[in-house]
PDB file of N, CA and C in Angstrom:
ATOM      1  N   MET A   1       0.902  -1.259  -0.023  1.00  0.00           N
ATOM      2  CA  MET A   1      -0.097   0.011  -0.017  1.00  0.00           C
ATOM      3  C   MET A   1       0.944   1.264   0.115  1.00  0.00           C
ATOM      4  N   SER A   2       0.600   2.239  -0.896  1.00  0.00           N
ATOM      5  CA  SER A   2       1.316   3.419  -0.993  1.00  0.00           C
ATOM      6  C   SER A   2       1.115   4.279   0.312  1.00  0.00           C
ATOM      7  N   VAL A   3       2.098   5.239   0.598  1.00  0.00           N
ATOM      8  CA  VAL A   3       1.764   6.048   1.782  1.00  0.00           C
ATOM      9  C   VAL A   3       0.407   7.116   1.416  1.00  0.00           C
ATOM     10  N   ARG A   4       0.328   7.325   0.299  1.00  0.00           N
ATOM     11  CA  ARG A   4      -0.945   7.995  -0.175  1.00  0.00           C
ATOM     12  C   ARG A   4      -2.113   7.453   0.266  1.00  0.00           C
ATOM     13  N   ASP A   5      -2.097   5.937  -0.097  1.00  0.00           N
ATOM     14  CA  ASP A   5      -3.320   5.066   0.268  1.00  0.00           C
ATOM     15  C   ASP A   5      -3.383   4.963   1.863  1.00  0.00           C
ATOM     16  N   GLU A   6      -2.354   4.752   2.441  1.00  0.00           N
ATOM     17  CA  GLU A   6      -2.373   4.686   3.983  1.00  0.00           C
ATOM     18  C   GLU A   6      -2.912   5.950   4.769  1.00  0.00           C
ATOM     19  N   ILE A   7      -2.546   7.026   4.129  1.00  0.00           N
ATOM     20  CA  ILE A   7      -3.168   8.257   4.670  1.00  0.00           C
ATOM     21  C   ILE A   7      -4.563   8.095   4.410  1.00  0.00           C
ATOM     22  N   GLU A   8      -5.125   7.908   3.276  1.00  0.00           N
ATOM     23  CA  GLU A   8      -6.381   7.940   2.880  1.00  0.00           C
ATOM     24  C   GLU A   8      -7.315   6.939   3.740  1.00  0.00           C
ATOM     25  N   ALA A   9      -6.600   5.868   3.930  1.00  0.00           N
ATOM     26  CA  ALA A   9      -7.331   4.897   4.722  1.00  0.00           C
ATOM     27  C   ALA A   9      -7.454   5.196   6.114  1.00  0.00           C
ATOM     28  N   ALA A  10      -6.373   5.782   6.718  1.00  0.00           N
ATOM     29  CA  ALA A  10      -6.284   6.123   8.203  1.00  0.00           C
ATOM     30  C   ALA A  10      -7.367   7.308   8.386  1.00  0.00           C
ATOM     31  N   LEU A  11      -7.315   8.333   7.490  1.00  0.00           N
ATOM     32  CA  LEU A  11      -8.413   9.374   7.719  1.00  0.00           C
ATOM     33  C   LEU A  11      -9.749   8.768   7.478  1.00  0.00           C
ATOM     34  N   ALA A  12     -10.006   8.025   6.393  1.00  0.00           N
ATOM     35  CA  ALA A  12     -11.309   7.518   6.204  1.00  0.00           C
ATOM     36  C   ALA A  12     -11.955   6.835   7.421  1.00  0.00           C
ATOM     37  N   GLU A  13     -11.070   5.950   7.922  1.00  0.00           N
ATOM     38  CA  GLU A  13     -11.426   5.102   9.023  1.00  0.00           C
ATOM     39  C   GLU A  13     -11.732   5.912  10.391  1.00  0.00           C
ATOM     40  N   LYS A  14     -10.806   7.076  10.601  1.00  0.00           N
ATOM     41  CA  LYS A  14     -10.924   7.781  11.813  1.00  0.00           C
ATOM     42  C   LYS A  14     -12.165   8.807  11.800  1.00  0.00           C
ATOM     43  N   PHE A  15     -12.470   9.477  10.702  1.00  0.00           N
ATOM     44  CA  PHE A  15     -13.264  10.538  10.370  1.00  0.00           C
ATOM     45  C   PHE A  15     -14.435  10.375   9.650  1.00  0.00           C
ATOM     46  N   ALA A  16     -14.466   9.216   8.822  1.00  0.00           N
ATOM     47  CA  ALA A  16     -15.633   9.050   7.775  1.00  0.00           C
ATOM     48  C   ALA A  16     -15.896  10.287   6.982  1.00  0.00           C
ATOM     49  N   PRO A  17     -15.075  10.848   6.407  1.00  0.00           N
ATOM     50  CA  PRO A  17     -15.175  12.191   5.704  1.00  0.00           C
ATOM     51  C   PRO A  17     -16.190  12.042   4.597  1.00  0.00           C
ATOM     52  N   SER A  18     -16.872  13.236   4.217  1.00  0.00           N
ATOM     53  CA  SER A  18     -17.643  13.393   3.104  1.00  0.00           C
ATOM     54  C   SER A  18     -16.844  13.801   1.870  1.00  0.00           C
ATOM     55  N   LEU A  19     -15.738  14.414   2.179  1.00  0.00           N
ATOM     56  CA  LEU A  19     -14.848  14.747   1.125  1.00  0.00           C
ATOM     57  C   LEU A  19     -13.336  14.512   1.741  1.00  0.00           C
ATOM     58  N   LEU A  20     -12.585  13.848   0.889  1.00  0.00           N
ATOM     59  CA  LEU A  20     -11.268  13.500   1.184  1.00  0.00           C
ATOM     60  C   LEU A  20     -10.348  13.495  -0.032  1.00  0.00           C
ATOM     61  N   GLU A  21      -9.469  14.322  -0.128  1.00  0.00           N
ATOM     62  CA  GLU A  21      -8.376  14.248  -1.194  1.00  0.00           C
ATOM     63  C   GLU A  21      -6.972  14.238  -0.666  1.00  0.00           C
ATOM     64  N   VAL A  22      -6.191  13.338  -1.038  1.00  0.00           N
ATOM     65  CA  VAL A  22      -4.897  13.231  -0.539  1.00  0.00           C
ATOM     66  C   VAL A  22      -3.815  13.349  -1.755  1.00  0.00           C
ATOM     67  N   ILE A  23      -3.105  14.475  -1.812  1.00  0.00           N
ATOM     68  CA  ILE A  23      -2.354  14.854  -2.925  1.00  0.00           C
ATOM     69  C   ILE A  23      -0.914  14.810  -2.585  1.00  0.00           C
ATOM     70  N   ASP A  24       0.007  13.972  -3.362  1.00  0.00           N
ATOM     71  CA  ASP A  24       1.612  13.821  -3.051  1.00  0.00           C
ATOM     72  C   ASP A  24       2.003  15.197  -3.677  1.00  0.00           C
ATOM     73  N   GLU A  25       2.672  15.933  -2.907  1.00  0.00           N
ATOM     74  CA  GLU A  25       3.294  17.197  -3.380  1.00  0.00           C
ATOM     75  C   GLU A  25       4.871  17.215  -3.197  1.00  0.00           C
ATOM     76  N   SER A  26       5.362  15.915  -3.219  1.00  0.00           N
ATOM     77  CA  SER A  26       6.732  15.686  -2.934  1.00  0.00           C
ATOM     78  C   SER A  26       7.676  16.243  -3.878  1.00  0.00           C
ATOM     79  N   GLN A  27       7.281  16.140  -5.069  1.00  0.00           N
ATOM     80  CA  GLN A  27       8.235  16.623  -6.193  1.00  0.00           C
ATOM     81  C   GLN A  27       8.275  18.205  -6.147  1.00  0.00           C
ATOM     82  N   GLN A  28       7.350  18.860  -5.566  1.00  0.00           N
ATOM     83  CA  GLN A  28       7.420  20.281  -5.339  1.00  0.00           C
ATOM     84  C   GLN A  28       8.533  20.852  -4.307  1.00  0.00           C
ATOM     85  N   HIS A  29       9.028  19.704  -3.506  1.00  0.00           N
ATOM     86  CA  HIS A  29       9.843  20.055  -2.352  1.00  0.00           C
ATOM     87  C   HIS A  29      11.374  19.438  -2.743  1.00  0.00           C
ATOM     88  N   TYR A  30      11.553  19.184  -4.006  1.00  0.00           N
ATOM     89  CA  TYR A  30      12.729  18.687  -4.418  1.00  0.00           C
ATOM     90  C   TYR A  30      13.926  19.420  -3.749  1.00  0.00           C
ATOM     91  N   GLY A  31      14.851  18.783  -3.020  1.00  0.00           N
ATOM     92  CA  GLY A  31      15.983  19.443  -2.467  1.00  0.00           C
ATOM     93  C   GLY A  31      15.744  20.050  -1.061  1.00  0.00           C
ATOM     94  N   HIS A  32      14.479  20.201  -0.715  1.00  0.00           N
ATOM     95  CA  HIS A  32      14.000  20.806   0.581  1.00  0.00           C
ATOM     96  C   HIS A  32      14.422  19.649   1.759  1.00  0.00           C
ATOM     97  N   ALA A  33      14.317  20.202   2.866  1.00  0.00           N
ATOM     98  CA  ALA A  33      14.412  19.285   4.155  1.00  0.00           C
ATOM     99  C   ALA A  33      13.349  18.207   3.946  1.00  0.00           C
ATOM    100  N   GLY A  34      13.643  16.961   4.296  1.00  0.00           N
ATOM    101  CA  GLY A  34      12.694  15.944   4.437  1.00  0.00           C
ATOM    102  C   GLY A  34      12.489  15.259   3.095  1.00  0.00           C
ATOM    103  N   TRP A  35      12.798  15.833   2.078  1.00  0.00           N
ATOM    104  CA  TRP A  35      12.632  15.315   0.682  1.00  0.00           C
ATOM    105  C   TRP A  35      13.558  14.167   0.524  1.00  0.00           C
ATOM    106  N   ARG A  36      13.128  13.033  -0.048  1.00  0.00           N
ATOM    107  CA  ARG A  36      13.933  11.860  -0.423  1.00  0.00           C
ATOM    108  C   ARG A  36      13.582  11.261  -1.743  1.00  0.00           C
ATOM    109  N   GLU A  37      14.436  10.479  -2.444  1.00  0.00           N
ATOM    110  CA  GLU A  37      14.281   9.944  -3.659  1.00  0.00           C
ATOM    111  C   GLU A  37      12.941   9.052  -3.530  1.00  0.00           C
ATOM    112  N   GLY A  38      12.063   9.300  -4.585  1.00  0.00           N
ATOM    113  CA  GLY A  38      10.920   8.337  -4.529  1.00  0.00           C
ATOM    114  C   GLY A  38       9.669   9.160  -3.998  1.00  0.00           C
ATOM    115  N   GLY A  39       9.837  10.215  -3.403  1.00  0.00           N
ATOM    116  CA  GLY A  39       8.804  10.907  -2.972  1.00  0.00           C
ATOM    117  C   GLY A  39       8.083  10.486  -1.637  1.00  0.00           C
ATOM    118  N   ASN A  40       6.898  10.703  -1.603  1.00  0.00           N
ATOM    119  CA  ASN A  40       6.126  10.140  -0.329  1.00  0.00           C
ATOM    120  C   ASN A  40       6.506  10.757   0.947  1.00  0.00           C
ATOM    121  N   THR A  41       6.921  12.129   0.892  1.00  0.00           N
ATOM    122  CA  THR A  41       7.167  12.884   2.093  1.00  0.00           C
ATOM    123  C   THR A  41       6.489  14.055   2.314  1.00  0.00           C
ATOM    124  N   HIS A  42       5.794  14.587   1.236  1.00  0.00           N
ATOM    125  CA  HIS A  42       4.935  15.890   1.496  1.00  0.00           C
ATOM    126  C   HIS A  42       3.558  15.816   0.903  1.00  0.00           C
ATOM    127  N   PHE A  43       2.646  15.728   1.631  1.00  0.00           N
ATOM    128  CA  PHE A  43       1.121  15.729   1.169  1.00  0.00           C
ATOM    129  C   PHE A  43       0.401  16.829   1.568  1.00  0.00           C
ATOM    130  N   ARG A  44      -0.653  17.154   0.813  1.00  0.00           N
ATOM    131  CA  ARG A  44      -1.725  18.096   1.043  1.00  0.00           C
ATOM    132  C   ARG A  44      -3.058  17.215   1.082  1.00  0.00           C
ATOM    133  N   ILE A  45      -3.818  17.555   2.269  1.00  0.00           N
ATOM    134  CA  ILE A  45      -5.012  16.980   2.341  1.00  0.00           C
ATOM    135  C   ILE A  45      -6.254  17.893   2.409  1.00  0.00           C
ATOM    136  N   ARG A  46      -7.296  17.615   1.650  1.00  0.00           N
ATOM    137  CA  ARG A  46      -8.461  18.295   1.831  1.00  0.00           C
ATOM    138  C   ARG A  46      -9.552  17.430   2.324  1.00  0.00           C
ATOM    139  N   ILE A  47     -10.231  18.029   3.433  1.00  0.00           N
ATOM    140  CA  ILE A  47     -11.027  16.953   4.105  1.00  0.00           C
ATOM    141  C   ILE A  47     -12.062  17.733   4.645  1.00  0.00           C
ATOM    142  N   SER A  48     -13.229  17.132   4.535  1.00  0.00           N
ATOM    143  CA  SER A  48     -14.591  17.707   5.274  1.00  0.00           C
ATOM    144  C   SER A  48     -15.253  16.457   6.030  1.00  0.00           C
ATOM    145  N   ALA A  49     -15.443  16.682   7.416  1.00  0.00           N
ATOM    146  CA  ALA A  49     -16.058  15.538   8.124  1.00  0.00           C
ATOM    147  C   ALA A  49     -16.734  16.133   9.336  1.00  0.00           C
ATOM    148  N   PRO A  50     -17.919  15.503   9.675  1.00  0.00           N
ATOM    149  CA  PRO A  50     -18.561  16.085  10.685  1.00  0.00           C
ATOM    150  C   PRO A  50     -17.910  15.963  11.983  1.00  0.00           C
ATOM    151  N   ALA A  51     -16.955  15.022  12.087  1.00  0.00           N
ATOM    152  CA  ALA A  51     -16.215  14.814  13.380  1.00  0.00           C
ATOM    153  C   ALA A  51     -15.167  16.044  13.645  1.00  0.00           C
ATOM    154  N   LEU A  52     -14.975  16.750  12.631  1.00  0.00           N
ATOM    155  CA  LEU A  52     -13.990  17.985  12.808  1.00  0.00           C
ATOM    156  C   LEU A  52     -14.772  19.263  12.796  1.00  0.00           C
ATOM    157  N   ALA A  53     -16.027  19.176  12.415  1.00  0.00           N
ATOM    158  CA  ALA A  53     -16.841  20.520  12.455  1.00  0.00           C
ATOM    159  C   ALA A  53     -16.755  21.286  13.508  1.00  0.00           C
ATOM    160  N   GLY A  54     -16.931  20.767  14.726  1.00  0.00           N
ATOM    161  CA  GLY A  54     -17.183  21.529  15.988  1.00  0.00           C
ATOM    162  C   GLY A  54     -15.783  21.980  16.599  1.00  0.00           C
ATOM    163  N   LEU A  55     -14.619  21.577  15.947  1.00  0.00           N
ATOM    164  CA  LEU A  55     -13.344  21.863  16.508  1.00  0.00           C
ATOM    165  C   LEU A  55     -12.657  23.135  15.923  1.00  0.00           C
ATOM    166  N   ASN A  56     -11.862  23.876  16.663  1.00  0.00           N
ATOM    167  CA  ASN A  56     -11.169  24.938  16.046  1.00  0.00           C
ATOM    168  C   ASN A  56     -10.038  24.552  15.307  1.00  0.00           C
ATOM    169  N   ARG A  57      -9.336  25.344  14.464  1.00  0.00           N
ATOM    170  CA  ARG A  57      -8.255  24.803  13.559  1.00  0.00           C
ATOM    171  C   ARG A  57      -7.200  24.090  14.308  1.00  0.00           C
ATOM    172  N   VAL A  58      -6.697  24.525  15.350  1.00  0.00           N
ATOM    173  CA  VAL A  58      -5.582  23.785  16.046  1.00  0.00           C
ATOM    174  C   VAL A  58      -6.010  22.308  16.400  1.00  0.00           C
ATOM    175  N   ALA A  59      -7.353  22.220  17.107  1.00  0.00           N
ATOM    176  CA  ALA A  59      -7.804  20.910  17.327  1.00  0.00           C
ATOM    177  C   ALA A  59      -7.947  20.069  16.153  1.00  0.00           C
ATOM    178  N   GLN A  60      -8.391  20.565  15.055  1.00  0.00           N
ATOM    179  CA  GLN A  60      -8.693  19.889  13.786  1.00  0.00           C
ATOM    180  C   GLN A  60      -7.284  19.259  13.399  1.00  0.00           C
ATOM    181  N   HIS A  61      -6.439  20.102  13.329  1.00  0.00           N
ATOM    182  CA  HIS A  61      -4.951  19.754  12.878  1.00  0.00           C
ATOM    183  C   HIS A  61      -4.327  18.686  13.846  1.00  0.00           C
ATOM    184  N   ARG A  62      -4.507  19.022  15.061  1.00  0.00           N
ATOM    185  CA  ARG A  62      -3.887  17.859  16.072  1.00  0.00           C
ATOM    186  C   ARG A  62      -4.625  16.596  15.871  1.00  0.00           C
ATOM    187  N   ALA A  63      -6.080  16.596  15.747  1.00  0.00           N
ATOM    188  CA  ALA A  63      -6.734  15.237  15.498  1.00  0.00           C
ATOM    189  C   ALA A  63      -6.180  14.555  14.262  1.00  0.00           C
ATOM    190  N   ILE A  64      -6.148  15.269  13.113  1.00  0.00           N
ATOM    191  CA  ILE A  64      -5.588  14.744  11.908  1.00  0.00           C
ATOM    192  C   ILE A  64      -4.158  14.189  12.066  1.00  0.00           C
ATOM    193  N   ASN A  65      -3.247  14.995  12.697  1.00  0.00           N
ATOM    194  CA  ASN A  65      -1.872  14.699  12.884  1.00  0.00           C
ATOM    195  C   ASN A  65      -1.874  13.338  13.892  1.00  0.00           C
ATOM    196  N   GLU A  66      -2.554  13.177  14.821  1.00  0.00           N
ATOM    197  CA  GLU A  66      -2.801  11.993  15.713  1.00  0.00           C
ATOM    198  C   GLU A  66      -3.201  10.791  14.859  1.00  0.00           C
ATOM    199  N   ALA A  67      -4.081  11.025  13.998  1.00  0.00           N
ATOM    200  CA  ALA A  67      -4.669   9.823  13.113  1.00  0.00           C
ATOM    201  C   ALA A  67      -3.623   9.366  12.250  1.00  0.00           C
ATOM    202  N   LEU A  68      -2.572  10.255  11.887  1.00  0.00           N
ATOM    203  CA  LEU A  68      -1.529   9.869  10.876  1.00  0.00           C
ATOM    204  C   LEU A  68      -0.181   9.591  11.556  1.00  0.00           C
ATOM    205  N   GLN A  69      -0.177   9.310  12.879  1.00  0.00           N
ATOM    206  CA  GLN A  69       1.161   9.221  13.660  1.00  0.00           C
ATOM    207  C   GLN A  69       1.915   7.945  13.020  1.00  0.00           C
ATOM    208  N   ALA A  70       1.301   6.963  12.648  1.00  0.00           N
ATOM    209  CA  ALA A  70       2.149   5.901  12.166  1.00  0.00           C
ATOM    210  C   ALA A  70       2.815   6.363  10.782  1.00  0.00           C
ATOM    211  N   GLN A  71       2.121   7.184  10.047  1.00  0.00           N
ATOM    212  CA  GLN A  71       2.771   7.547   8.743  1.00  0.00           C
ATOM    213  C   GLN A  71       3.835   8.526   9.007  1.00  0.00           C
ATOM    214  N   PHE A  72       3.799   9.416   9.924  1.00  0.00           N
ATOM    215  CA  PHE A  72       4.811  10.382  10.421  1.00  0.00           C
ATOM    216  C   PHE A  72       6.012   9.533  10.909  1.00  0.00           C
ATOM    217  N   ASP A  73       5.695   8.521  11.705  1.00  0.00           N
ATOM    218  CA  ASP A  73       6.754   7.659  12.417  1.00  0.00           C
ATOM    219  C   ASP A  73       7.593   6.915  11.324  1.00  0.00           C
ATOM    220  N   ALA A  74       6.944   6.662  10.043  1.00  0.00           N
ATOM    221  CA  ALA A  74       7.647   5.916   9.016  1.00  0.00           C
ATOM    222  C   ALA A  74       8.134   6.907   8.024  1.00  0.00           C
ATOM    223  N   GLY A  75       8.164   8.132   8.162  1.00  0.00           N
ATOM    224  CA  GLY A  75       8.906   9.128   7.167  1.00  0.00           C
ATOM    225  C   GLY A  75       8.213  10.120   6.629  1.00  0.00           C
ATOM    226  N   LEU A  76       6.860  10.198   6.858  1.00  0.00           N
ATOM    227  CA  LEU A  76       6.095  11.361   6.300  1.00  0.00           C
ATOM    228  C   LEU A  76       6.663  12.705   6.958  1.00  0.00           C
ATOM    229  N   HIS A  77       7.035  13.586   6.132  1.00  0.00           N
ATOM    230  CA  HIS A  77       7.858  14.705   6.722  1.00  0.00           C
ATOM    231  C   HIS A  77       6.803  16.073   6.805  1.00  0.00           C
ATOM    232  N   ALA A  78       5.983  16.212   5.896  1.00  0.00           N
ATOM    233  CA  ALA A  78       5.114  17.471   5.915  1.00  0.00           C
ATOM    234  C   ALA A  78       3.795  17.156   5.369  1.00  0.00           C
ATOM    235  N   LEU A  79       2.766  18.014   6.105  1.00  0.00           N
ATOM    236  CA  LEU A  79       1.367  17.530   5.653  1.00  0.00           C
ATOM    237  C   LEU A  79       0.738  18.982   5.735  1.00  0.00           C
ATOM    238  N   ALA A  80       0.082  19.454   4.790  1.00  0.00           N
ATOM    239  CA  ALA A  80      -0.703  20.588   4.474  1.00  0.00           C
ATOM    240  C   ALA A  80      -2.166  20.160   4.630  1.00  0.00           C
ATOM    241  N   ILE A  81      -2.883  20.835   5.522  1.00  0.00           N
ATOM    242  CA  ILE A  81      -4.244  20.452   5.804  1.00  0.00           C
ATOM    243  C   ILE A  81      -5.121  21.515   5.565  1.00  0.00           C
ATOM    244  N   GLU A  82      -6.207  21.297   4.828  1.00  0.00           N
ATOM    245  CA  GLU A  82      -7.106  22.180   4.331  1.00  0.00           C
ATOM    246  C   GLU A  82      -8.600  21.395   4.841  1.00  0.00           C
ATOM    247  N   VAL A  83      -9.241  22.067   5.948  1.00  0.00           N
ATOM    248  CA  VAL A  83     -10.456  21.409   6.423  1.00  0.00           C
ATOM    249  C   VAL A  83     -11.551  22.273   5.844  1.00  0.00           C
ATOM    250  N   LYS A  84     -12.451  21.732   5.165  1.00  0.00           N
ATOM    251  CA  LYS A  84     -13.651  22.290   4.491  1.00  0.00           C
ATOM    252  C   LYS A  84     -14.855  22.426   5.409  1.00  0.00           C
TER     253      LYS A  84
END
């Protein structure tokens, strides 16, 4: 399973989102910190989920980062989060 698929599966399981986009932006960060050959280091997610609706932005980001802790531990370097 790719890192993108792992992120998508973890967020779908945790939040049951009505909208979920996981975009690998690793190539845009070529030569920057955390980048490595083969990508899978920098992602953007767009998500809309009732479970996130009542939380402020900091709490939303914390919840998402906690749901993806295994991916961060495995080498995910950066995550841009857009909660709709």
